[in-house]
């Protein structure tokens, strides 16, 4: 899995509103996500998240799945560690 963790954090911190998870993925994978887009009945003017290329390719989707899986494992490990520490500290 190639990625840029520091770029992910930097992009996440600079993200407008509460779009941190999308911004972290954009920065980590070197993509620009979000941005202005056209739907059937309207156009949404939104900022770009990330400074990479705007067109994701199939290999980017595989990398995004791997990134999400890794992040999920890390969160589960942190929750488990916190639970174990709490149980160990209980009288």
PDB file of N, CA and C in Angstrom:
ATOM      1  N   UNK A   1       0.858  -1.183   0.000  1.00  0.00           N
ATOM      2  CA  UNK A   1       0.000   0.000   0.000  1.00  0.00           C
ATOM      3  C   UNK A   1       0.888   1.225   0.000  1.00  0.00           C
ATOM      4  N   UNK A   2       0.840   1.982  -1.086  1.00  0.00           N
ATOM      5  CA  UNK A   2       1.563   3.245  -1.134  1.00  0.00           C
ATOM      6  C   UNK A   2       0.634   4.336  -0.625  1.00  0.00           C
ATOM      7  N   UNK A   3       1.171   5.212   0.137  1.00  0.00           N
ATOM      8  CA  UNK A   3       0.371   6.310   0.648  1.00  0.00           C
ATOM      9  C   UNK A   3       1.261   7.393   1.202  1.00  0.00           C
ATOM     10  N   UNK A   4       0.653   8.462   1.625  1.00  0.00           N
ATOM     11  CA  UNK A   4       1.383   9.591   2.176  1.00  0.00           C
ATOM     12  C   UNK A   4       0.703  10.014   3.470  1.00  0.00           C
ATOM     13  N   UNK A   5       1.074   9.381   4.594  1.00  0.00           N
ATOM     14  CA  UNK A   5       0.387   9.686   5.853  1.00  0.00           C
ATOM     15  C   UNK A   5       0.461  11.154   6.260  1.00  0.00           C
ATOM     16  N   UNK A   6       1.610  11.785   6.071  1.00  0.00           N
ATOM     17  CA  UNK A   6       1.718  13.204   6.449  1.00  0.00           C
ATOM     18  C   UNK A   6       0.842  14.078   5.572  1.00  0.00           C
ATOM     19  N   UNK A   7       0.770  13.759   4.292  1.00  0.00           N
ATOM     20  CA  UNK A   7      -0.121  14.511   3.401  1.00  0.00           C
ATOM     21  C   UNK A   7      -1.575  14.292   3.809  1.00  0.00           C
ATOM     22  N   UNK A   8      -1.892  13.085   4.251  1.00  0.00           N
ATOM     23  CA  UNK A   8      -3.259  12.802   4.702  1.00  0.00           C
ATOM     24  C   UNK A   8      -3.620  13.662   5.905  1.00  0.00           C
ATOM     25  N   UNK A   9      -2.733  13.729   6.873  1.00  0.00           N
ATOM     26  CA  UNK A   9      -2.996  14.530   8.079  1.00  0.00           C
ATOM     27  C   UNK A   9      -3.077  16.016   7.731  1.00  0.00           C
ATOM     28  N   UNK A  10      -2.148  16.491   6.910  1.00  0.00           N
ATOM     29  CA  UNK A  10      -2.142  17.905   6.526  1.00  0.00           C
ATOM     30  C   UNK A  10      -3.437  18.272   5.784  1.00  0.00           C
ATOM     31  N   UNK A  11      -3.854  17.434   4.847  1.00  0.00           N
ATOM     32  CA  UNK A  11      -5.076  17.698   4.091  1.00  0.00           C
ATOM     33  C   UNK A  11      -6.286  17.629   5.007  1.00  0.00           C
ATOM     34  N   UNK A  12      -6.284  16.675   5.933  1.00  0.00           N
ATOM     35  CA  UNK A  12      -7.398  16.521   6.862  1.00  0.00           C
ATOM     36  C   UNK A  12      -7.551  17.759   7.741  1.00  0.00           C
ATOM     37  N   UNK A  13      -6.438  18.277   8.246  1.00  0.00           N
ATOM     38  CA  UNK A  13      -6.483  19.434   9.137  1.00  0.00           C
ATOM     39  C   UNK A  13      -7.005  20.670   8.410  1.00  0.00           C
ATOM     40  N   UNK A  14      -6.665  20.800   7.136  1.00  0.00           N
ATOM     41  CA  UNK A  14      -7.071  21.981   6.364  1.00  0.00           C
ATOM     42  C   UNK A  14      -8.452  21.851   5.746  1.00  0.00           C
ATOM     43  N   UNK A  15      -9.105  20.704   5.906  1.00  0.00           N
ATOM     44  CA  UNK A  15     -10.399  20.468   5.268  1.00  0.00           C
ATOM     45  C   UNK A  15     -11.476  21.372   5.856  1.00  0.00           C
ATOM     46  N   UNK A  16     -12.320  21.914   4.986  1.00  0.00           N
ATOM     47  CA  UNK A  16     -13.420  22.742   5.479  1.00  0.00           C
ATOM     48  C   UNK A  16     -14.520  21.881   6.089  1.00  0.00           C
ATOM     49  N   UNK A  17     -15.197  22.416   7.068  1.00  0.00           N
ATOM     50  CA  UNK A  17     -16.324  21.703   7.662  1.00  0.00           C
ATOM     51  C   UNK A  17     -15.907  20.414   8.339  1.00  0.00           C
ATOM     52  N   UNK A  18     -16.709  19.400   8.168  1.00  0.00           N
ATOM     53  CA  UNK A  18     -16.469  18.114   8.821  1.00  0.00           C
ATOM     54  C   UNK A  18     -16.152  17.023   7.813  1.00  0.00           C
ATOM     55  N   UNK A  19     -15.444  17.348   6.776  1.00  0.00           N
ATOM     56  CA  UNK A  19     -15.114  16.390   5.733  1.00  0.00           C
ATOM     57  C   UNK A  19     -13.729  15.805   5.946  1.00  0.00           C
ATOM     58  N   UNK A  20     -13.372  15.557   7.192  1.00  0.00           N
ATOM     59  CA  UNK A  20     -12.021  15.124   7.521  1.00  0.00           C
ATOM     60  C   UNK A  20     -11.674  13.754   6.952  1.00  0.00           C
ATOM     61  N   UNK A  21     -12.606  12.817   6.998  1.00  0.00           N
ATOM     62  CA  UNK A  21     -12.285  11.470   6.508  1.00  0.00           C
ATOM     63  C   UNK A  21     -12.043  11.479   5.000  1.00  0.00           C
ATOM     64  N   UNK A  22     -12.848  12.224   4.264  1.00  0.00           N
ATOM     65  CA  UNK A  22     -12.646  12.325   2.809  1.00  0.00           C
ATOM     66  C   UNK A  22     -11.328  13.029   2.520  1.00  0.00           C
ATOM     67  N   UNK A  23     -11.038  14.080   3.273  1.00  0.00           N
ATOM     68  CA  UNK A  23      -9.792  14.814   3.067  1.00  0.00           C
ATOM     69  C   UNK A  23      -8.581  13.956   3.392  1.00  0.00           C
ATOM     70  N   UNK A  24      -8.668  13.142   4.431  1.00  0.00           N
ATOM     71  CA  UNK A  24      -7.549  12.268   4.789  1.00  0.00           C
ATOM     72  C   UNK A  24      -7.288  11.246   3.688  1.00  0.00           C
ATOM     73  N   UNK A  25      -8.348  10.668   3.132  1.00  0.00           N
ATOM     74  CA  UNK A  25      -8.183   9.719   2.029  1.00  0.00           C
ATOM     75  C   UNK A  25      -7.604  10.425   0.816  1.00  0.00           C
ATOM     76  N   UNK A  26      -8.098  11.623   0.514  1.00  0.00           N
ATOM     77  CA  UNK A  26      -7.571  12.380  -0.634  1.00  0.00           C
ATOM     78  C   UNK A  26      -6.090  12.648  -0.466  1.00  0.00           C
ATOM     79  N   UNK A  27      -5.694  13.122   0.703  1.00  0.00           N
ATOM     80  CA  UNK A  27      -4.280  13.412   0.939  1.00  0.00           C
ATOM     81  C   UNK A  27      -3.424  12.169   0.956  1.00  0.00           C
ATOM     82  N   UNK A  28      -3.933  11.109   1.556  1.00  0.00           N
ATOM     83  CA  UNK A  28      -3.172   9.872   1.650  1.00  0.00           C
ATOM     84  C   UNK A  28      -2.969   9.176   0.315  1.00  0.00           C
ATOM     85  N   UNK A  29      -3.924   9.330  -0.586  1.00  0.00           N
ATOM     86  CA  UNK A  29      -3.832   8.667  -1.882  1.00  0.00           C
ATOM     87  C   UNK A  29      -3.372   9.597  -3.000  1.00  0.00           C
ATOM     88  N   UNK A  30      -3.151  10.871  -2.664  1.00  0.00           N
ATOM     89  CA  UNK A  30      -2.702  11.816  -3.684  1.00  0.00           C
ATOM     90  C   UNK A  30      -3.790  12.181  -4.680  1.00  0.00           C
ATOM     91  N   UNK A  31      -5.021  12.293  -4.200  1.00  0.00           N
ATOM     92  CA  UNK A  31      -6.149  12.637  -5.056  1.00  0.00           C
ATOM     93  C   UNK A  31      -6.745  13.978  -4.636  1.00  0.00           C
ATOM     94  N   UNK A  32      -7.559  14.536  -5.494  1.00  0.00           N
ATOM     95  CA  UNK A  32      -8.381  15.694  -5.162  1.00  0.00           C
ATOM     96  C   UNK A  32      -9.826  15.209  -5.240  1.00  0.00           C
ATOM     97  N   UNK A  33     -10.507  15.161  -4.115  1.00  0.00           N
ATOM     98  CA  UNK A  33     -11.879  14.660  -4.068  1.00  0.00           C
ATOM     99  C   UNK A  33     -12.832  15.810  -3.789  1.00  0.00           C
ATOM    100  N   UNK A  34     -14.097  15.573  -4.045  1.00  0.00           N
ATOM    101  CA  UNK A  34     -15.109  16.613  -3.840  1.00  0.00           C
ATOM    102  C   UNK A  34     -15.132  17.543  -5.030  1.00  0.00           C
ATOM    103  N   UNK A  35     -15.024  18.824  -4.782  1.00  0.00           N
ATOM    104  CA  UNK A  35     -15.010  19.808  -5.861  1.00  0.00           C
ATOM    105  C   UNK A  35     -16.383  20.036  -6.459  1.00  0.00           C
ATOM    106  N   UNK A  36     -16.468  20.951  -7.424  1.00  0.00           N
ATOM    107  CA  UNK A  36     -17.755  21.216  -8.068  1.00  0.00           C
ATOM    108  C   UNK A  36     -18.205  19.984  -8.867  1.00  0.00           C
ATOM    109  N   UNK A  37     -19.499  19.710  -8.821  1.00  0.00           N
ATOM    110  CA  UNK A  37     -20.023  18.549  -9.553  1.00  0.00           C
ATOM    111  C   UNK A  37     -21.450  18.818 -10.006  1.00  0.00           C
ATOM    112  N   UNK A  38     -21.831  18.131 -11.053  1.00  0.00           N
ATOM    113  CA  UNK A  38     -23.159  18.317 -11.659  1.00  0.00           C
ATOM    114  C   UNK A  38     -24.003  17.065 -11.414  1.00  0.00           C
ATOM    115  N   UNK A  39     -25.200  17.296 -10.889  1.00  0.00           N
ATOM    116  CA  UNK A  39     -26.191  16.246 -10.744  1.00  0.00           C
ATOM    117  C   UNK A  39     -27.270  16.474 -11.799  1.00  0.00           C
ATOM    118  N   UNK A  40     -28.258  15.617 -11.851  1.00  0.00           N
ATOM    119  CA  UNK A  40     -29.282  15.729 -12.890  1.00  0.00           C
ATOM    120  C   UNK A  40     -30.017  17.066 -12.846  1.00  0.00           C
ATOM    121  N   UNK A  41     -30.295  17.564 -11.641  1.00  0.00           N
ATOM    122  CA  UNK A  41     -31.113  18.774 -11.534  1.00  0.00           C
ATOM    123  C   UNK A  41     -30.379  19.992 -10.987  1.00  0.00           C
ATOM    124  N   UNK A  42     -29.126  19.834 -10.587  1.00  0.00           N
ATOM    125  CA  UNK A  42     -28.427  20.976 -10.000  1.00  0.00           C
ATOM    126  C   UNK A  42     -26.912  20.800 -10.081  1.00  0.00           C
ATOM    127  N   UNK A  43     -26.237  21.905  -9.842  1.00  0.00           N
ATOM    128  CA  UNK A  43     -24.775  21.909  -9.773  1.00  0.00           C
ATOM    129  C   UNK A  43     -24.387  22.286  -8.349  1.00  0.00           C
ATOM    130  N   UNK A  44     -23.461  21.535  -7.775  1.00  0.00           N
ATOM    131  CA  UNK A  44     -22.990  21.800  -6.417  1.00  0.00           C
ATOM    132  C   UNK A  44     -21.598  22.411  -6.521  1.00  0.00           C
ATOM    133  N   UNK A  45     -21.435  23.585  -5.949  1.00  0.00           N
ATOM    134  CA  UNK A  45     -20.127  24.236  -5.897  1.00  0.00           C
ATOM    135  C   UNK A  45     -19.494  23.905  -4.551  1.00  0.00           C
ATOM    136  N   UNK A  46     -18.532  23.003  -4.550  1.00  0.00           N
ATOM    137  CA  UNK A  46     -17.873  22.585  -3.319  1.00  0.00           C
ATOM    138  C   UNK A  46     -16.371  22.670  -3.508  1.00  0.00           C
ATOM    139  N   UNK A  47     -15.631  22.860  -2.419  1.00  0.00           N
ATOM    140  CA  UNK A  47     -14.166  22.950  -2.549  1.00  0.00           C
ATOM    141  C   UNK A  47     -13.548  21.592  -2.836  1.00  0.00           C
ATOM    142  N   UNK A  48     -12.405  21.613  -3.482  1.00  0.00           N
ATOM    143  CA  UNK A  48     -11.628  20.399  -3.682  1.00  0.00           C
ATOM    144  C   UNK A  48     -10.951  20.039  -2.362  1.00  0.00           C
ATOM    145  N   UNK A  49     -10.884  18.768  -2.055  1.00  0.00           N
ATOM    146  CA  UNK A  49     -10.190  18.273  -0.867  1.00  0.00           C
ATOM    147  C   UNK A  49      -8.969  17.512  -1.354  1.00  0.00           C
ATOM    148  N   UNK A  50      -7.800  18.021  -1.071  1.00  0.00           N
ATOM    149  CA  UNK A  50      -6.566  17.413  -1.554  1.00  0.00           C
ATOM    150  C   UNK A  50      -6.030  18.168  -2.755  1.00  0.00           C
ATOM    151  N   UNK A  51      -4.763  17.908  -3.060  1.00  0.00           N
ATOM    152  CA  UNK A  51      -4.114  18.650  -4.141  1.00  0.00           C
ATOM    153  C   UNK A  51      -3.658  17.735  -5.268  1.00  0.00           C
ATOM    154  N   UNK A  52      -4.096  16.489  -5.271  1.00  0.00           N
ATOM    155  CA  UNK A  52      -3.672  15.550  -6.301  1.00  0.00           C
ATOM    156  C   UNK A  52      -4.539  15.630  -7.537  1.00  0.00           C
ATOM    157  N   UNK A  53      -4.555  14.555  -8.291  1.00  0.00           N
ATOM    158  CA  UNK A  53      -5.359  14.520  -9.505  1.00  0.00           C
ATOM    159  C   UNK A  53      -6.812  14.261  -9.161  1.00  0.00           C
ATOM    160  N   UNK A  54      -7.711  14.775  -9.984  1.00  0.00           N
ATOM    161  CA  UNK A  54      -9.144  14.710  -9.697  1.00  0.00           C
ATOM    162  C   UNK A  54      -9.804  13.443 -10.228  1.00  0.00           C
ATOM    163  N   UNK A  55      -9.145  12.720 -11.093  1.00  0.00           N
ATOM    164  CA  UNK A  55      -9.773  11.537 -11.685  1.00  0.00           C
ATOM    165  C   UNK A  55      -9.203  10.274 -11.045  1.00  0.00           C
ATOM    166  N   UNK A  56     -10.032   9.611 -10.237  1.00  0.00           N
ATOM    167  CA  UNK A  56      -9.605   8.360  -9.604  1.00  0.00           C
ATOM    168  C   UNK A  56      -9.639   7.240 -10.633  1.00  0.00           C
ATOM    169  N   UNK A  57      -8.698   6.335 -10.520  1.00  0.00           N
ATOM    170  CA  UNK A  57      -8.604   5.197 -11.426  1.00  0.00           C
ATOM    171  C   UNK A  57      -8.830   3.910 -10.635  1.00  0.00           C
ATOM    172  N   UNK A  58      -9.040   2.778 -11.316  1.00  0.00           N
ATOM    173  CA  UNK A  58      -9.340   1.532 -10.592  1.00  0.00           C
ATOM    174  C   UNK A  58      -8.318   1.175  -9.517  1.00  0.00           C
ATOM    175  N   UNK A  59      -7.048   1.398  -9.769  1.00  0.00           N
ATOM    176  CA  UNK A  59      -6.048   1.066  -8.734  1.00  0.00           C
ATOM    177  C   UNK A  59      -6.178   1.974  -7.516  1.00  0.00           C
ATOM    178  N   UNK A  60      -6.698   3.185  -7.705  1.00  0.00           N
ATOM    179  CA  UNK A  60      -6.935   4.068  -6.562  1.00  0.00           C
ATOM    180  C   UNK A  60      -8.029   3.499  -5.665  1.00  0.00           C
ATOM    181  N   UNK A  61      -9.021   2.869  -6.257  1.00  0.00           N
ATOM    182  CA  UNK A  61     -10.096   2.275  -5.468  1.00  0.00           C
ATOM    183  C   UNK A  61      -9.560   1.115  -4.635  1.00  0.00           C
ATOM    184  N   UNK A  62      -8.677   0.312  -5.219  1.00  0.00           N
ATOM    185  CA  UNK A  62      -8.075  -0.792  -4.462  1.00  0.00           C
ATOM    186  C   UNK A  62      -7.232  -0.250  -3.319  1.00  0.00           C
ATOM    187  N   UNK A  63      -6.483   0.817  -3.567  1.00  0.00           N
ATOM    188  CA  UNK A  63      -5.679   1.425  -2.498  1.00  0.00           C
ATOM    189  C   UNK A  63      -6.566   2.019  -1.427  1.00  0.00           C
ATOM    190  N   UNK A  64      -7.686   2.627  -1.813  1.00  0.00           N
ATOM    191  CA  UNK A  64      -8.613   3.205  -0.829  1.00  0.00           C
ATOM    192  C   UNK A  64      -9.212   2.107   0.049  1.00  0.00           C
ATOM    193  N   UNK A  65      -9.586   0.975  -0.554  1.00  0.00           N
ATOM    194  CA  UNK A  65     -10.109  -0.141   0.245  1.00  0.00           C
ATOM    195  C   UNK A  65      -9.065  -0.633   1.236  1.00  0.00           C
ATOM    196  N   UNK A  66      -7.825  -0.745   0.792  1.00  0.00           N
ATOM    197  CA  UNK A  66      -6.754  -1.199   1.689  1.00  0.00           C
ATOM    198  C   UNK A  66      -6.531  -0.184   2.811  1.00  0.00           C
ATOM    199  N   UNK A  67      -6.582   1.098   2.484  1.00  0.00           N
ATOM    200  CA  UNK A  67      -6.400   2.150   3.484  1.00  0.00           C
ATOM    201  C   UNK A  67      -7.508   2.101   4.531  1.00  0.00           C
ATOM    202  N   UNK A  68      -8.744   1.928   4.085  1.00  0.00           N
ATOM    203  CA  UNK A  68      -9.882   1.859   5.007  1.00  0.00           C
ATOM    204  C   UNK A  68      -9.788   0.609   5.881  1.00  0.00           C
ATOM    205  N   UNK A  69      -9.385  -0.511   5.297  1.00  0.00           N
ATOM    206  CA  UNK A  69      -9.226  -1.738   6.081  1.00  0.00           C
ATOM    207  C   UNK A  69      -8.149  -1.555   7.148  1.00  0.00           C
ATOM    208  N   UNK A  70      -7.022  -0.978   6.775  1.00  0.00           N
ATOM    209  CA  UNK A  70      -5.941  -0.748   7.734  1.00  0.00           C
ATOM    210  C   UNK A  70      -6.385   0.199   8.843  1.00  0.00           C
ATOM    211  N   UNK A  71      -7.071   1.273   8.480  1.00  0.00           N
ATOM    212  CA  UNK A  71      -7.552   2.225   9.485  1.00  0.00           C
ATOM    213  C   UNK A  71      -8.545   1.545  10.435  1.00  0.00           C
ATOM    214  N   UNK A  72      -9.399   0.689   9.902  1.00  0.00           N
ATOM    215  CA  UNK A  72     -10.371  -0.019  10.738  1.00  0.00           C
ATOM    216  C   UNK A  72      -9.675  -0.949  11.723  1.00  0.00           C
ATOM    217  N   UNK A  73      -8.648  -1.638  11.263  1.00  0.00           N
ATOM    218  CA  UNK A  73      -7.886  -2.528  12.144  1.00  0.00           C
ATOM    219  C   UNK A  73      -7.201  -1.730  13.249  1.00  0.00           C
ATOM    220  N   UNK A  74      -6.626  -0.586  12.888  1.00  0.00           N
ATOM    221  CA  UNK A  74      -5.962   0.253  13.890  1.00  0.00           C
ATOM    222  C   UNK A  74      -6.950   0.778  14.927  1.00  0.00           C
ATOM    223  N   UNK A  75      -8.121   1.209  14.493  1.00  0.00           N
ATOM    224  CA  UNK A  75      -9.132   1.695  15.437  1.00  0.00           C
ATOM    225  C   UNK A  75      -9.591   0.560  16.350  1.00  0.00           C
ATOM    226  N   UNK A  76      -9.819  -0.619  15.789  1.00  0.00           N
ATOM    227  CA  UNK A  76     -10.225  -1.762  16.603  1.00  0.00           C
ATOM    228  C   UNK A  76      -9.152  -2.104  17.635  1.00  0.00           C
ATOM    229  N   UNK A  77      -7.888  -2.035  17.234  1.00  0.00           N
ATOM    230  CA  UNK A  77      -6.796  -2.315  18.166  1.00  0.00           C
ATOM    231  C   UNK A  77      -6.744  -1.275  19.286  1.00  0.00           C
ATOM    232  N   UNK A  78      -6.962  -0.008  18.950  1.00  0.00           N
ATOM    233  CA  UNK A  78      -6.970   1.048  19.971  1.00  0.00           C
ATOM    234  C   UNK A  78      -8.127   0.855  20.956  1.00  0.00           C
ATOM    235  N   UNK A  79      -9.294   0.511  20.442  1.00  0.00           N
ATOM    236  CA  UNK A  79     -10.453   0.281  21.315  1.00  0.00           C
ATOM    237  C   UNK A  79     -10.195  -0.920  22.220  1.00  0.00           C
ATOM    238  N   UNK A  80      -9.649  -1.981  21.651  1.00  0.00           N
ATOM    239  CA  UNK A  80      -9.335  -3.172  22.451  1.00  0.00           C
ATOM    240  C   UNK A  80      -8.305  -2.853  23.533  1.00  0.00           C
ATOM    241  N   UNK A  81      -7.271  -2.083  23.183  1.00  0.00           N
ATOM    242  CA  UNK A  81      -6.247  -1.717  24.158  1.00  0.00           C
ATOM    243  C   UNK A  81      -6.843  -0.865  25.278  1.00  0.00           C
ATOM    244  N   UNK A  82      -7.720   0.077  24.920  1.00  0.00           N
ATOM    245  CA  UNK A  82      -8.357   0.910  25.938  1.00  0.00           C
ATOM    246  C   UNK A  82      -9.234   0.062  26.856  1.00  0.00           C
ATOM    247  N   UNK A  83      -9.948  -0.882  26.291  1.00  0.00           N
ATOM    248  CA  UNK A  83     -10.798  -1.770  27.091  1.00  0.00           C
ATOM    249  C   UNK A  83      -9.961  -2.627  28.038  1.00  0.00           C
ATOM    250  N   UNK A  84      -8.858  -3.170  27.535  1.00  0.00           N
ATOM    251  CA  UNK A  84      -7.980  -3.995  28.365  1.00  0.00           C
ATOM    252  C   UNK A  84      -7.380  -3.171  29.498  1.00  0.00           C
ATOM    253  N   UNK A  85      -6.941  -1.942  29.202  1.00  0.00           N
ATOM    254  CA  UNK A  85      -6.382  -1.077  30.234  1.00  0.00           C
ATOM    255  C   UNK A  85      -7.443  -0.717  31.269  1.00  0.00           C
ATOM    256  N   UNK A  86      -8.646  -0.471  30.815  1.00  0.00           N
ATOM    257  CA  UNK A  86      -9.718  -0.133  31.764  1.00  0.00           C
ATOM    258  C   UNK A  86     -10.049  -1.323  32.663  1.00  0.00           C
ATOM    259  N   UNK A  87     -10.118  -2.512  32.071  1.00  0.00           N
ATOM    260  CA  UNK A  87     -10.401  -3.703  32.870  1.00  0.00           C
ATOM    261  C   UNK A  87      -9.274  -4.021  33.832  1.00  0.00           C
ATOM    262  N   UNK A  88      -8.041  -3.769  33.409  1.00  0.00           N
ATOM    263  CA  UNK A  88      -6.897  -4.022  34.287  1.00  0.00           C
ATOM    264  C   UNK A  88      -6.855  -3.048  35.462  1.00  0.00           C
ATOM    265  N   UNK A  89      -7.361  -1.844  35.238  1.00  0.00           N
ATOM    266  CA  UNK A  89      -7.337  -0.826  36.293  1.00  0.00           C
ATOM    267  C   UNK A  89      -8.533  -0.943  37.242  1.00  0.00           C
ATOM    268  N   UNK A  90      -9.551  -1.702  36.851  1.00  0.00           N
ATOM    269  CA  UNK A  90     -10.749  -1.851  37.687  1.00  0.00           C
ATOM    270  C   UNK A  90     -10.408  -2.672  38.936  1.00  0.00           C
ATOM    271  N   UNK A  91     -11.013  -2.292  40.083  1.00  0.00           N
ATOM    272  CA  UNK A  91     -10.732  -3.034  41.319  1.00  0.00           C
ATOM    273  C   UNK A  91     -11.319  -4.412  41.340  1.00  0.00           C
TER     274      UNK A  91
END
